[in-house]
Amino acid sequence: MTATRSAATLDGFAKVTDAVEGVYLRDLEPLTRLVVRTCNSEYRIVVSPGGEMLVEGGRFFDRPTPAVLEGASLGGSFLKVGWIGVGLRMEIRDESRRIVTSPVRHIVAGGETAVVH
């Protein structure tokens, strides 16, 4: 059974998200910088207090834009709130729209080369 098929239930989605590397924005200090590479784009994120962030990158954020990370999903109805996970899609909301990215390939904090998990 594939990861997507097994994630068709809440229990399956929880197992998939528990098995992959990721990070909760709430666990990061304000002004922490992340670079998130998806299958199609690269996003530069600066963590702000209160669960907000500045995001730049991809085709929708051509300059730093205040936004909220809704969470990570497989593109369906389940969402791990406030979290970015490798293999899952970021769901980002700014003042006028909700963006769902392609799946995340890796997450890098600041100038480090290690993957955040």
PDB file of N, CA and C in Angstrom:
ATOM      1  N   MET A   1       0.850  -1.173   0.000  1.00  0.00           N
ATOM      2  CA  MET A   1       0.000   0.000   0.000  1.00  0.00           C
ATOM      3  C   MET A   1       0.894   1.234   0.000  1.00  0.00           C
ATOM      4  N   THR A   2       0.553   2.230  -0.773  1.00  0.00           N
ATOM      5  CA  THR A   2       1.355   3.448  -0.862  1.00  0.00           C
ATOM      6  C   THR A   2       1.081   4.358   0.328  1.00  0.00           C
ATOM      7  N   ALA A   3       2.009   5.311   0.570  1.00  0.00           N
ATOM      8  CA  ALA A   3       1.839   6.254   1.680  1.00  0.00           C
ATOM      9  C   ALA A   3       0.570   7.070   1.496  1.00  0.00           C
ATOM     10  N   THR A   4       0.304   7.500   0.269  1.00  0.00           N
ATOM     11  CA  THR A   4      -0.887   8.305   0.017  1.00  0.00           C
ATOM     12  C   THR A   4      -2.143   7.507   0.288  1.00  0.00           C
ATOM     13  N   ARG A   5      -2.162   6.262  -0.160  1.00  0.00           N
ATOM     14  CA  ARG A   5      -3.350   5.432   0.054  1.00  0.00           C
ATOM     15  C   ARG A   5      -3.549   5.122   1.531  1.00  0.00           C
ATOM     16  N   SER A   6      -2.454   4.833   2.258  1.00  0.00           N
ATOM     17  CA  SER A   6      -2.587   4.529   3.676  1.00  0.00           C
ATOM     18  C   SER A   6      -2.970   5.769   4.480  1.00  0.00           C
ATOM     19  N   ALA A   7      -2.723   6.967   3.936  1.00  0.00           N
ATOM     20  CA  ALA A   7      -3.062   8.209   4.627  1.00  0.00           C
ATOM     21  C   ALA A   7      -4.493   8.650   4.363  1.00  0.00           C
ATOM     22  N   ALA A   8      -5.300   7.811   3.759  1.00  0.00           N
ATOM     23  CA  ALA A   8      -6.688   8.160   3.460  1.00  0.00           C
ATOM     24  C   ALA A   8      -7.545   8.194   4.722  1.00  0.00           C
ATOM     25  N   THR A   9      -7.013   7.688   5.827  1.00  0.00           N
ATOM     26  CA  THR A   9      -7.705   7.765   7.110  1.00  0.00           C
ATOM     27  C   THR A   9      -6.890   8.652   8.040  1.00  0.00           C
ATOM     28  N   LEU A  10      -7.510   9.137   9.101  1.00  0.00           N
ATOM     29  CA  LEU A  10      -6.793   9.973  10.056  1.00  0.00           C
ATOM     30  C   LEU A  10      -5.640   9.202  10.697  1.00  0.00           C
ATOM     31  N   ASP A  11      -5.868   7.949  11.057  1.00  0.00           N
ATOM     32  CA  ASP A  11      -4.794   7.137  11.632  1.00  0.00           C
ATOM     33  C   ASP A  11      -3.655   6.953  10.638  1.00  0.00           C
ATOM     34  N   GLY A  12      -3.989   6.723   9.391  1.00  0.00           N
ATOM     35  CA  GLY A  12      -2.967   6.564   8.355  1.00  0.00           C
ATOM     36  C   GLY A  12      -2.179   7.843   8.145  1.00  0.00           C
ATOM     37  N   PHE A  13      -2.868   8.982   8.132  1.00  0.00           N
ATOM     38  CA  PHE A  13      -2.195  10.274   7.979  1.00  0.00           C
ATOM     39  C   PHE A  13      -1.253  10.517   9.156  1.00  0.00           C
ATOM     40  N   ALA A  14      -1.702  10.206  10.367  1.00  0.00           N
ATOM     41  CA  ALA A  14      -0.859  10.382  11.557  1.00  0.00           C
ATOM     42  C   ALA A  14       0.391   9.510  11.470  1.00  0.00           C
ATOM     43  N   LYS A  15       0.261   8.289  10.995  1.00  0.00           N
ATOM     44  CA  LYS A  15       1.425   7.407  10.849  1.00  0.00           C
ATOM     45  C   LYS A  15       2.404   7.948   9.816  1.00  0.00           C
ATOM     46  N   VAL A  16       1.892   8.455   8.705  1.00  0.00           N
ATOM     47  CA  VAL A  16       2.760   9.018   7.664  1.00  0.00           C
ATOM     48  C   VAL A  16       3.510  10.223   8.214  1.00  0.00           C
ATOM     49  N   THR A  17       2.816  11.138   8.882  1.00  0.00           N
ATOM     50  CA  THR A  17       3.479  12.350   9.369  1.00  0.00           C
ATOM     51  C   THR A  17       4.442  12.055  10.516  1.00  0.00           C
ATOM     52  N   ASP A  18       4.174  11.024  11.301  1.00  0.00           N
ATOM     53  CA  ASP A  18       5.100  10.645  12.371  1.00  0.00           C
ATOM     54  C   ASP A  18       6.385  10.024  11.816  1.00  0.00           C
ATOM     55  N   ALA A  19       6.321   9.488  10.608  1.00  0.00           N
ATOM     56  CA  ALA A  19       7.456   8.771  10.032  1.00  0.00           C
ATOM     57  C   ALA A  19       8.400   9.657   9.219  1.00  0.00           C
ATOM     58  N   VAL A  20       8.038  10.925   9.007  1.00  0.00           N
ATOM     59  CA  VAL A  20       8.875  11.794   8.178  1.00  0.00           C
ATOM     60  C   VAL A  20       9.471  12.925   9.020  1.00  0.00           C
ATOM     61  N   GLU A  21      10.565  13.492   8.526  1.00  0.00           N
ATOM     62  CA  GLU A  21      11.212  14.603   9.212  1.00  0.00           C
ATOM     63  C   GLU A  21      10.424  15.883   8.964  1.00  0.00           C
ATOM     64  N   GLY A  22      10.413  16.745   9.970  1.00  0.00           N
ATOM     65  CA  GLY A  22       9.717  18.005   9.821  1.00  0.00           C
ATOM     66  C   GLY A  22       9.981  18.906  11.009  1.00  0.00           C
ATOM     67  N   VAL A  23       9.327  20.053  11.003  1.00  0.00           N
ATOM     68  CA  VAL A  23       9.536  21.034  12.060  1.00  0.00           C
ATOM     69  C   VAL A  23       8.243  21.814  12.303  1.00  0.00           C
ATOM     70  N   TYR A  24       7.956  22.067  13.591  1.00  0.00           N
ATOM     71  CA  TYR A  24       6.872  22.967  13.970  1.00  0.00           C
ATOM     72  C   TYR A  24       7.434  24.386  14.030  1.00  0.00           C
ATOM     73  N   LEU A  25       6.799  25.332  13.370  1.00  0.00           N
ATOM     74  CA  LEU A  25       7.267  26.718  13.445  1.00  0.00           C
ATOM     75  C   LEU A  25       7.231  27.236  14.876  1.00  0.00           C
ATOM     76  N   ARG A  26       6.272  26.778  15.668  1.00  0.00           N
ATOM     77  CA  ARG A  26       6.153  27.259  17.051  1.00  0.00           C
ATOM     78  C   ARG A  26       7.354  26.881  17.906  1.00  0.00           C
ATOM     79  N   ASP A  27       8.113  25.859  17.487  1.00  0.00           N
ATOM     80  CA  ASP A  27       9.294  25.428  18.235  1.00  0.00           C
ATOM     81  C   ASP A  27      10.539  26.233  17.885  1.00  0.00           C
ATOM     82  N   LEU A  28      10.435  27.115  16.890  1.00  0.00           N
ATOM     83  CA  LEU A  28      11.588  27.890  16.449  1.00  0.00           C
ATOM     84  C   LEU A  28      11.555  29.296  17.035  1.00  0.00           C
ATOM     85  N   GLU A  29      12.724  29.833  17.314  1.00  0.00           N
ATOM     86  CA  GLU A  29      12.828  31.201  17.812  1.00  0.00           C
ATOM     87  C   GLU A  29      12.402  32.184  16.721  1.00  0.00           C
ATOM     88  N   PRO A  30      11.786  33.307  17.105  1.00  0.00           N
ATOM     89  CA  PRO A  30      11.515  34.349  16.114  1.00  0.00           C
ATOM     90  C   PRO A  30      12.809  34.766  15.414  1.00  0.00           C
ATOM     91  N   LEU A  31      12.701  35.088  14.146  1.00  0.00           N
ATOM     92  CA  LEU A  31      13.794  35.467  13.255  1.00  0.00           C
ATOM     93  C   LEU A  31      14.623  34.278  12.762  1.00  0.00           C
ATOM     94  N   THR A  32      14.239  33.049  13.146  1.00  0.00           N
ATOM     95  CA  THR A  32      14.885  31.875  12.564  1.00  0.00           C
ATOM     96  C   THR A  32      14.593  31.867  11.075  1.00  0.00           C
ATOM     97  N   ARG A  33      15.613  31.583  10.279  1.00  0.00           N
ATOM     98  CA  ARG A  33      15.460  31.533   8.825  1.00  0.00           C
ATOM     99  C   ARG A  33      15.454  30.087   8.374  1.00  0.00           C
ATOM    100  N   LEU A  34      14.503  29.763   7.507  1.00  0.00           N
ATOM    101  CA  LEU A  34      14.419  28.438   6.897  1.00  0.00           C
ATOM    102  C   LEU A  34      14.478  28.581   5.383  1.00  0.00           C
ATOM    103  N   VAL A  35      15.075  27.611   4.745  1.00  0.00           N
ATOM    104  CA  VAL A  35      14.971  27.460   3.298  1.00  0.00           C
ATOM    105  C   VAL A  35      14.273  26.129   3.081  1.00  0.00           C
ATOM    106  N   VAL A  36      13.131  26.177   2.422  1.00  0.00           N
ATOM    107  CA  VAL A  36      12.337  24.977   2.167  1.00  0.00           C
ATOM    108  C   VAL A  36      12.323  24.736   0.665  1.00  0.00           C
ATOM    109  N   ARG A  37      12.852  23.616   0.257  1.00  0.00           N
ATOM    110  CA  ARG A  37      12.888  23.250  -1.161  1.00  0.00           C
ATOM    111  C   ARG A  37      11.779  22.250  -1.423  1.00  0.00           C
ATOM    112  N   THR A  38      10.876  22.586  -2.349  1.00  0.00           N
ATOM    113  CA  THR A  38       9.823  21.654  -2.756  1.00  0.00           C
ATOM    114  C   THR A  38      10.219  21.033  -4.091  1.00  0.00           C
ATOM    115  N   CYS A  39       9.377  20.191  -4.622  1.00  0.00           N
ATOM    116  CA  CYS A  39       9.666  19.584  -5.928  1.00  0.00           C
ATOM    117  C   CYS A  39       9.786  20.636  -7.022  1.00  0.00           C
ATOM    118  N   ASN A  40       9.076  21.758  -6.888  1.00  0.00           N
ATOM    119  CA  ASN A  40       9.044  22.761  -7.949  1.00  0.00           C
ATOM    120  C   ASN A  40       9.674  24.101  -7.604  1.00  0.00           C
ATOM    121  N   SER A  41       9.882  24.407  -6.329  1.00  0.00           N
ATOM    122  CA  SER A  41      10.288  25.763  -5.944  1.00  0.00           C
ATOM    123  C   SER A  41      11.146  25.754  -4.691  1.00  0.00           C
ATOM    124  N   GLU A  42      11.669  26.934  -4.387  1.00  0.00           N
ATOM    125  CA  GLU A  42      12.384  27.154  -3.132  1.00  0.00           C
ATOM    126  C   GLU A  42      11.714  28.318  -2.423  1.00  0.00           C
ATOM    127  N   TYR A  43      11.498  28.168  -1.116  1.00  0.00           N
ATOM    128  CA  TYR A  43      10.874  29.201  -0.298  1.00  0.00           C
ATOM    129  C   TYR A  43      11.838  29.590   0.815  1.00  0.00           C
ATOM    130  N   ARG A  44      11.974  30.889   1.040  1.00  0.00           N
ATOM    131  CA  ARG A  44      12.755  31.417   2.137  1.00  0.00           C
ATOM    132  C   ARG A  44      11.773  31.950   3.170  1.00  0.00           C
ATOM    133  N   ILE A  45      11.902  31.452   4.382  1.00  0.00           N
ATOM    134  CA  ILE A  45      10.947  31.767   5.452  1.00  0.00           C
ATOM    135  C   ILE A  45      11.701  32.382   6.626  1.00  0.00           C
ATOM    136  N   VAL A  46      11.142  33.454   7.181  1.00  0.00           N
ATOM    137  CA  VAL A  46      11.629  34.027   8.431  1.00  0.00           C
ATOM    138  C   VAL A  46      10.492  33.893   9.432  1.00  0.00           C
ATOM    139  N   VAL A  47      10.761  33.198  10.534  1.00  0.00           N
ATOM    140  CA  VAL A  47       9.743  32.955  11.554  1.00  0.00           C
ATOM    141  C   VAL A  47       9.472  34.240  12.321  1.00  0.00           C
ATOM    142  N   SER A  48       8.200  34.569  12.503  1.00  0.00           N
ATOM    143  CA  SER A  48       7.762  35.725  13.276  1.00  0.00           C
ATOM    144  C   SER A  48       7.051  35.231  14.535  1.00  0.00           C
ATOM    145  N   PRO A  49       6.934  36.080  15.547  1.00  0.00           N
ATOM    146  CA  PRO A  49       6.189  35.673  16.747  1.00  0.00           C
ATOM    147  C   PRO A  49       4.730  35.380  16.422  1.00  0.00           C
ATOM    148  N   GLY A  50       4.107  34.535  17.221  1.00  0.00           N
ATOM    149  CA  GLY A  50       2.676  34.281  17.095  1.00  0.00           C
ATOM    150  C   GLY A  50       2.280  33.382  15.953  1.00  0.00           C
ATOM    151  N   GLY A  51       3.199  32.549  15.456  1.00  0.00           N
ATOM    152  CA  GLY A  51       2.863  31.601  14.398  1.00  0.00           C
ATOM    153  C   GLY A  51       2.842  32.186  13.008  1.00  0.00           C
ATOM    154  N   GLU A  52       3.244  33.436  12.883  1.00  0.00           N
ATOM    155  CA  GLU A  52       3.286  34.039  11.552  1.00  0.00           C
ATOM    156  C   GLU A  52       4.694  33.945  10.994  1.00  0.00           C
ATOM    157  N   MET A  53       4.841  34.337   9.726  1.00  0.00           N
ATOM    158  CA  MET A  53       6.143  34.266   9.072  1.00  0.00           C
ATOM    159  C   MET A  53       6.175  35.246   7.916  1.00  0.00           C
ATOM    160  N   LEU A  54       7.362  35.504   7.425  1.00  0.00           N
ATOM    161  CA  LEU A  54       7.561  36.166   6.146  1.00  0.00           C
ATOM    162  C   LEU A  54       8.005  35.082   5.191  1.00  0.00           C
ATOM    163  N   VAL A  55       7.391  35.005   4.032  1.00  0.00           N
ATOM    164  CA  VAL A  55       7.750  33.985   3.053  1.00  0.00           C
ATOM    165  C   VAL A  55       8.061  34.657   1.725  1.00  0.00           C
ATOM    166  N   GLU A  56       9.095  34.135   1.057  1.00  0.00           N
ATOM    167  CA  GLU A  56       9.476  34.612  -0.266  1.00  0.00           C
ATOM    168  C   GLU A  56       9.873  33.393  -1.082  1.00  0.00           C
ATOM    169  N   GLY A  57       9.438  33.372  -2.338  1.00  0.00           N
ATOM    170  CA  GLY A  57       9.827  32.277  -3.228  1.00  0.00           C
ATOM    171  C   GLY A  57       8.636  31.680  -3.939  1.00  0.00           C
ATOM    172  N   GLY A  58       8.940  30.677  -4.757  1.00  0.00           N
ATOM    173  CA  GLY A  58       7.898  30.088  -5.575  1.00  0.00           C
ATOM    174  C   GLY A  58       7.360  31.138  -6.533  1.00  0.00           C
ATOM    175  N   ARG A  59       6.287  30.820  -7.205  1.00  0.00           N
ATOM    176  CA  ARG A  59       5.747  31.801  -8.157  1.00  0.00           C
ATOM    177  C   ARG A  59       4.738  32.758  -7.536  1.00  0.00           C
ATOM    178  N   PHE A  60       4.368  32.527  -6.285  1.00  0.00           N
ATOM    179  CA  PHE A  60       3.360  33.380  -5.650  1.00  0.00           C
ATOM    180  C   PHE A  60       3.929  34.438  -4.708  1.00  0.00           C
ATOM    181  N   PHE A  61       5.156  34.273  -4.249  1.00  0.00           N
ATOM    182  CA  PHE A  61       5.734  35.183  -3.273  1.00  0.00           C
ATOM    183  C   PHE A  61       7.025  35.771  -3.834  1.00  0.00           C
ATOM    184  N   ASP A  62       6.899  36.773  -4.697  1.00  0.00           N
ATOM    185  CA  ASP A  62       8.065  37.351  -5.367  1.00  0.00           C
ATOM    186  C   ASP A  62       8.839  38.319  -4.471  1.00  0.00           C
ATOM    187  N   ARG A  63       8.288  38.642  -3.308  1.00  0.00           N
ATOM    188  CA  ARG A  63       8.986  39.465  -2.315  1.00  0.00           C
ATOM    189  C   ARG A  63       8.522  38.977  -0.941  1.00  0.00           C
ATOM    190  N   PRO A  64       9.277  39.301   0.128  1.00  0.00           N
ATOM    191  CA  PRO A  64       8.853  38.846   1.463  1.00  0.00           C
ATOM    192  C   PRO A  64       7.414  39.271   1.757  1.00  0.00           C
ATOM    193  N   THR A  65       6.595  38.296   2.092  1.00  0.00           N
ATOM    194  CA  THR A  65       5.159  38.509   2.279  1.00  0.00           C
ATOM    195  C   THR A  65       4.734  37.972   3.642  1.00  0.00           C
ATOM    196  N   PRO A  66       4.063  38.775   4.467  1.00  0.00           N
ATOM    197  CA  PRO A  66       3.519  38.243   5.723  1.00  0.00           C
ATOM    198  C   PRO A  66       2.506  37.135   5.424  1.00  0.00           C
ATOM    199  N   ALA A  67       2.628  36.033   6.143  1.00  0.00           N
ATOM    200  CA  ALA A  67       1.738  34.900   5.903  1.00  0.00           C
ATOM    201  C   ALA A  67       1.669  34.032   7.159  1.00  0.00           C
ATOM    202  N   VAL A  68       0.763  33.063   7.108  1.00  0.00           N
ATOM    203  CA  VAL A  68       0.617  32.073   8.167  1.00  0.00           C
ATOM    204  C   VAL A  68       0.799  30.704   7.542  1.00  0.00           C
ATOM    205  N   LEU A  69       1.617  29.875   8.166  1.00  0.00           N
ATOM    206  CA  LEU A  69       1.733  28.482   7.744  1.00  0.00           C
ATOM    207  C   LEU A  69       0.559  27.740   8.358  1.00  0.00           C
ATOM    208  N   GLU A  70      -0.394  27.337   7.531  1.00  0.00           N
ATOM    209  CA  GLU A  70      -1.526  26.562   8.047  1.00  0.00           C
ATOM    210  C   GLU A  70      -1.044  25.185   8.505  1.00  0.00           C
ATOM    211  N   GLY A  71      -0.136  24.579   7.716  1.00  0.00           N
ATOM    212  CA  GLY A  71       0.398  23.279   8.100  1.00  0.00           C
ATOM    213  C   GLY A  71       0.834  22.476   6.901  1.00  0.00           C
ATOM    214  N   ALA A  72       0.901  21.156   7.115  1.00  0.00           N
ATOM    215  CA  ALA A  72       1.372  20.223   6.095  1.00  0.00           C
ATOM    216  C   ALA A  72       0.272  19.219   5.763  1.00  0.00           C
ATOM    217  N   SER A  73       0.156  18.909   4.482  1.00  0.00           N
ATOM    218  CA  SER A  73      -0.854  17.946   4.044  1.00  0.00           C
ATOM    219  C   SER A  73      -0.305  17.105   2.902  1.00  0.00           C
ATOM    220  N   LEU A  74      -1.054  16.102   2.559  1.00  0.00           N
ATOM    221  CA  LEU A  74      -0.751  15.315   1.359  1.00  0.00           C
ATOM    222  C   LEU A  74      -1.580  15.819   0.185  1.00  0.00           C
ATOM    223  N   GLY A  75      -2.226  16.964   0.364  1.00  0.00           N
ATOM    224  CA  GLY A  75      -3.071  17.543  -0.676  1.00  0.00           C
ATOM    225  C   GLY A  75      -4.535  17.211  -0.493  1.00  0.00           C
ATOM    226  N   GLY A  76      -4.846  16.497   0.575  1.00  0.00           N
ATOM    227  CA  GLY A  76      -6.226  16.135   0.857  1.00  0.00           C
ATOM    228  C   GLY A  76      -6.794  16.971   1.990  1.00  0.00           C
ATOM    229  N   SER A  77      -7.694  16.389   2.753  1.00  0.00           N
ATOM    230  CA  SER A  77      -8.392  17.151   3.790  1.00  0.00           C
ATOM    231  C   SER A  77      -7.701  17.127   5.151  1.00  0.00           C
ATOM    232  N   PHE A  78      -6.695  16.265   5.352  1.00  0.00           N
ATOM    233  CA  PHE A  78      -6.003  16.214   6.635  1.00  0.00           C
ATOM    234  C   PHE A  78      -4.845  17.201   6.635  1.00  0.00           C
ATOM    235  N   LEU A  79      -4.635  17.858   7.779  1.00  0.00           N
ATOM    236  CA  LEU A  79      -3.611  18.885   7.898  1.00  0.00           C
ATOM    237  C   LEU A  79      -2.928  18.753   9.244  1.00  0.00           C
ATOM    238  N   LYS A  80      -1.588  18.689   9.257  1.00  0.00           N
ATOM    239  CA  LYS A  80      -0.824  18.754  10.500  1.00  0.00           C
ATOM    240  C   LYS A  80      -0.511  20.229  10.706  1.00  0.00           C
ATOM    241  N   VAL A  81      -1.203  20.850  11.650  1.00  0.00           N
ATOM    242  CA  VAL A  81      -1.238  22.305  11.818  1.00  0.00           C
ATOM    243  C   VAL A  81       0.117  22.854  12.279  1.00  0.00           C
ATOM    244  N   GLY A  82       0.565  23.938  11.589  1.00  0.00           N
ATOM    245  CA  GLY A  82       1.766  24.650  11.990  1.00  0.00           C
ATOM    246  C   GLY A  82       3.065  23.919  11.749  1.00  0.00           C
ATOM    247  N   TRP A  83       3.046  22.898  10.936  1.00  0.00           N
ATOM    248  CA  TRP A  83       4.192  22.004  10.742  1.00  0.00           C
ATOM    249  C   TRP A  83       4.586  21.971   9.276  1.00  0.00           C
ATOM    250  N   ILE A  84       5.887  21.830   9.009  1.00  0.00           N
ATOM    251  CA  ILE A  84       6.406  21.597   7.662  1.00  0.00           C
ATOM    252  C   ILE A  84       7.023  20.212   7.683  1.00  0.00           C
ATOM    253  N   GLY A  85       6.620  19.349   6.759  1.00  0.00           N
ATOM    254  CA  GLY A  85       7.126  17.979   6.736  1.00  0.00           C
ATOM    255  C   GLY A  85       7.662  17.579   5.376  1.00  0.00           C
ATOM    256  N   VAL A  86       8.775  16.872   5.387  1.00  0.00           N
ATOM    257  CA  VAL A  86       9.369  16.379   4.146  1.00  0.00           C
ATOM    258  C   VAL A  86       8.412  15.370   3.509  1.00  0.00           C
ATOM    259  N   GLY A  87       8.140  15.581   2.228  1.00  0.00           N
ATOM    260  CA  GLY A  87       7.223  14.708   1.497  1.00  0.00           C
ATOM    261  C   GLY A  87       5.792  15.204   1.494  1.00  0.00           C
ATOM    262  N   LEU A  88       5.492  16.193   2.309  1.00  0.00           N
ATOM    263  CA  LEU A  88       4.144  16.758   2.366  1.00  0.00           C
ATOM    264  C   LEU A  88       4.137  18.152   1.750  1.00  0.00           C
ATOM    265  N   ARG A  89       2.966  18.665   1.491  1.00  0.00           N
ATOM    266  CA  ARG A  89       2.799  19.989   0.890  1.00  0.00           C
ATOM    267  C   ARG A  89       2.605  21.022   1.986  1.00  0.00           C
ATOM    268  N   MET A  90       3.240  22.179   1.831  1.00  0.00           N
ATOM    269  CA  MET A  90       2.965  23.286   2.755  1.00  0.00           C
ATOM    270  C   MET A  90       1.671  23.953   2.328  1.00  0.00           C
ATOM    271  N   GLU A  91       0.858  24.335   3.296  1.00  0.00           N
ATOM    272  CA  GLU A  91      -0.337  25.119   3.027  1.00  0.00           C
ATOM    273  C   GLU A  91      -0.139  26.462   3.716  1.00  0.00           C
ATOM    274  N   ILE A  92      -0.049  27.507   2.896  1.00  0.00           N
ATOM    275  CA  ILE A  92       0.299  28.852   3.347  1.00  0.00           C
ATOM    276  C   ILE A  92      -0.854  29.797   3.038  1.00  0.00           C
ATOM    277  N   ARG A  93      -1.188  30.660   4.009  1.00  0.00           N
ATOM    278  CA  ARG A  93      -2.247  31.646   3.813  1.00  0.00           C
ATOM    279  C   ARG A  93      -1.672  33.043   4.001  1.00  0.00           C
ATOM    280  N   ASP A  94      -1.901  33.906   3.014  1.00  0.00           N
ATOM    281  CA  ASP A  94      -1.586  35.318   3.189  1.00  0.00           C
ATOM    282  C   ASP A  94      -2.913  36.070   3.268  1.00  0.00           C
ATOM    283  N   GLU A  95      -2.885  37.393   3.155  1.00  0.00           N
ATOM    284  CA  GLU A  95      -4.120  38.151   3.379  1.00  0.00           C
ATOM    285  C   GLU A  95      -5.209  37.901   2.346  1.00  0.00           C
ATOM    286  N   SER A  96      -4.861  37.359   1.176  1.00  0.00           N
ATOM    287  CA  SER A  96      -5.879  37.229   0.137  1.00  0.00           C
ATOM    288  C   SER A  96      -6.012  35.841  -0.487  1.00  0.00           C
ATOM    289  N   ARG A  97      -5.167  34.888  -0.093  1.00  0.00           N
ATOM    290  CA  ARG A  97      -5.227  33.587  -0.770  1.00  0.00           C
ATOM    291  C   ARG A  97      -4.599  32.490   0.080  1.00  0.00           C
ATOM    292  N   ARG A  98      -4.879  31.282  -0.335  1.00  0.00           N
ATOM    293  CA  ARG A  98      -4.305  30.091   0.294  1.00  0.00           C
ATOM    294  C   ARG A  98      -3.526  29.357  -0.779  1.00  0.00           C
ATOM    295  N   ILE A  99      -2.240  29.085  -0.518  1.00  0.00           N
ATOM    296  CA  ILE A  99      -1.360  28.437  -1.475  1.00  0.00           C
ATOM    297  C   ILE A  99      -1.013  27.051  -0.958  1.00  0.00           C
ATOM    298  N   VAL A 100      -1.089  26.059  -1.827  1.00  0.00           N
ATOM    299  CA  VAL A 100      -0.649  24.703  -1.508  1.00  0.00           C
ATOM    300  C   VAL A 100       0.537  24.407  -2.412  1.00  0.00           C
ATOM    301  N   THR A 101       1.692  24.138  -1.803  1.00  0.00           N
ATOM    302  CA  THR A 101       2.913  23.927  -2.572  1.00  0.00           C
ATOM    303  C   THR A 101       3.008  22.491  -3.086  1.00  0.00           C
ATOM    304  N   SER A 102       3.996  22.248  -3.919  1.00  0.00           N
ATOM    305  CA  SER A 102       4.343  20.872  -4.266  1.00  0.00           C
ATOM    306  C   SER A 102       5.025  20.247  -3.040  1.00  0.00           C
ATOM    307  N   PRO A 103       5.215  18.934  -3.009  1.00  0.00           N
ATOM    308  CA  PRO A 103       5.794  18.282  -1.823  1.00  0.00           C
ATOM    309  C   PRO A 103       7.188  18.815  -1.466  1.00  0.00           C
ATOM    310  N   VAL A 104       7.416  18.946  -0.176  1.00  0.00           N
ATOM    311  CA  VAL A 104       8.699  19.410   0.356  1.00  0.00           C
ATOM    312  C   VAL A 104       9.756  18.328   0.172  1.00  0.00           C
ATOM    313  N   ARG A 105      10.912  18.739  -0.338  1.00  0.00           N
ATOM    314  CA  ARG A 105      12.045  17.819  -0.514  1.00  0.00           C
ATOM    315  C   ARG A 105      13.021  17.911   0.643  1.00  0.00           C
ATOM    316  N   HIS A 106      13.315  19.134   1.107  1.00  0.00           N
ATOM    317  CA  HIS A 106      14.154  19.293   2.293  1.00  0.00           C
ATOM    318  C   HIS A 106      13.959  20.658   2.929  1.00  0.00           C
ATOM    319  N   ILE A 107      14.381  20.730   4.197  1.00  0.00           N
ATOM    320  CA  ILE A 107      14.233  21.928   5.016  1.00  0.00           C
ATOM    321  C   ILE A 107      15.603  22.222   5.617  1.00  0.00           C
ATOM    322  N   VAL A 108      16.077  23.439   5.429  1.00  0.00           N
ATOM    323  CA  VAL A 108      17.381  23.831   5.975  1.00  0.00           C
ATOM    324  C   VAL A 108      17.187  25.060   6.845  1.00  0.00           C
ATOM    325  N   ALA A 109      17.773  25.052   8.044  1.00  0.00           N
ATOM    326  CA  ALA A 109      17.690  26.196   8.942  1.00  0.00           C
ATOM    327  C   ALA A 109      18.901  27.087   8.745  1.00  0.00           C
ATOM    328  N   GLY A 110      18.666  28.387   8.551  1.00  0.00           N
ATOM    329  CA  GLY A 110      19.746  29.356   8.413  1.00  0.00           C
ATOM    330  C   GLY A 110      20.753  28.953   7.368  1.00  0.00           C
ATOM    331  N   GLY A 111      22.029  29.075   7.699  1.00  0.00           N
ATOM    332  CA  GLY A 111      23.100  28.701   6.784  1.00  0.00           C
ATOM    333  C   GLY A 111      23.563  27.268   6.965  1.00  0.00           C
ATOM    334  N   GLU A 112      22.862  26.512   7.822  1.00  0.00           N
ATOM    335  CA  GLU A 112      23.259  25.143   8.094  1.00  0.00           C
ATOM    336  C   GLU A 112      22.969  24.261   6.891  1.00  0.00           C
ATOM    337  N   THR A 113      23.679  23.152   6.816  1.00  0.00           N
ATOM    338  CA  THR A 113      23.429  22.208   5.739  1.00  0.00           C
ATOM    339  C   THR A 113      22.601  21.018   6.227  1.00  0.00           C
ATOM    340  N   ALA A 114      22.387  20.931   7.518  1.00  0.00           N
ATOM    341  CA  ALA A 114      21.631  19.804   8.053  1.00  0.00           C
ATOM    342  C   ALA A 114      20.138  20.018   7.848  1.00  0.00           C
ATOM    343  N   VAL A 115      19.413  18.949   7.670  1.00  0.00           N
ATOM    344  CA  VAL A 115      17.964  19.014   7.542  1.00  0.00           C
ATOM    345  C   VAL A 115      17.377  19.202   8.930  1.00  0.00           C
ATOM    346  N   VAL A 116      16.429  20.082   9.046  1.00  0.00           N
ATOM    347  CA  VAL A 116      15.719  20.284  10.312  1.00  0.00           C
ATOM    348  C   VAL A 116      14.745  19.146  10.496  1.00  0.00           C
ATOM    349  N   HIS A 117      14.683  18.607  11.695  1.00  0.00           N
ATOM    350  CA  HIS A 117      13.667  17.580  11.998  1.00  0.00           C
ATOM    351  C   HIS A 117      13.251  17.622  13.428  1.00  0.00           C
TER     352      HIS A 117
END
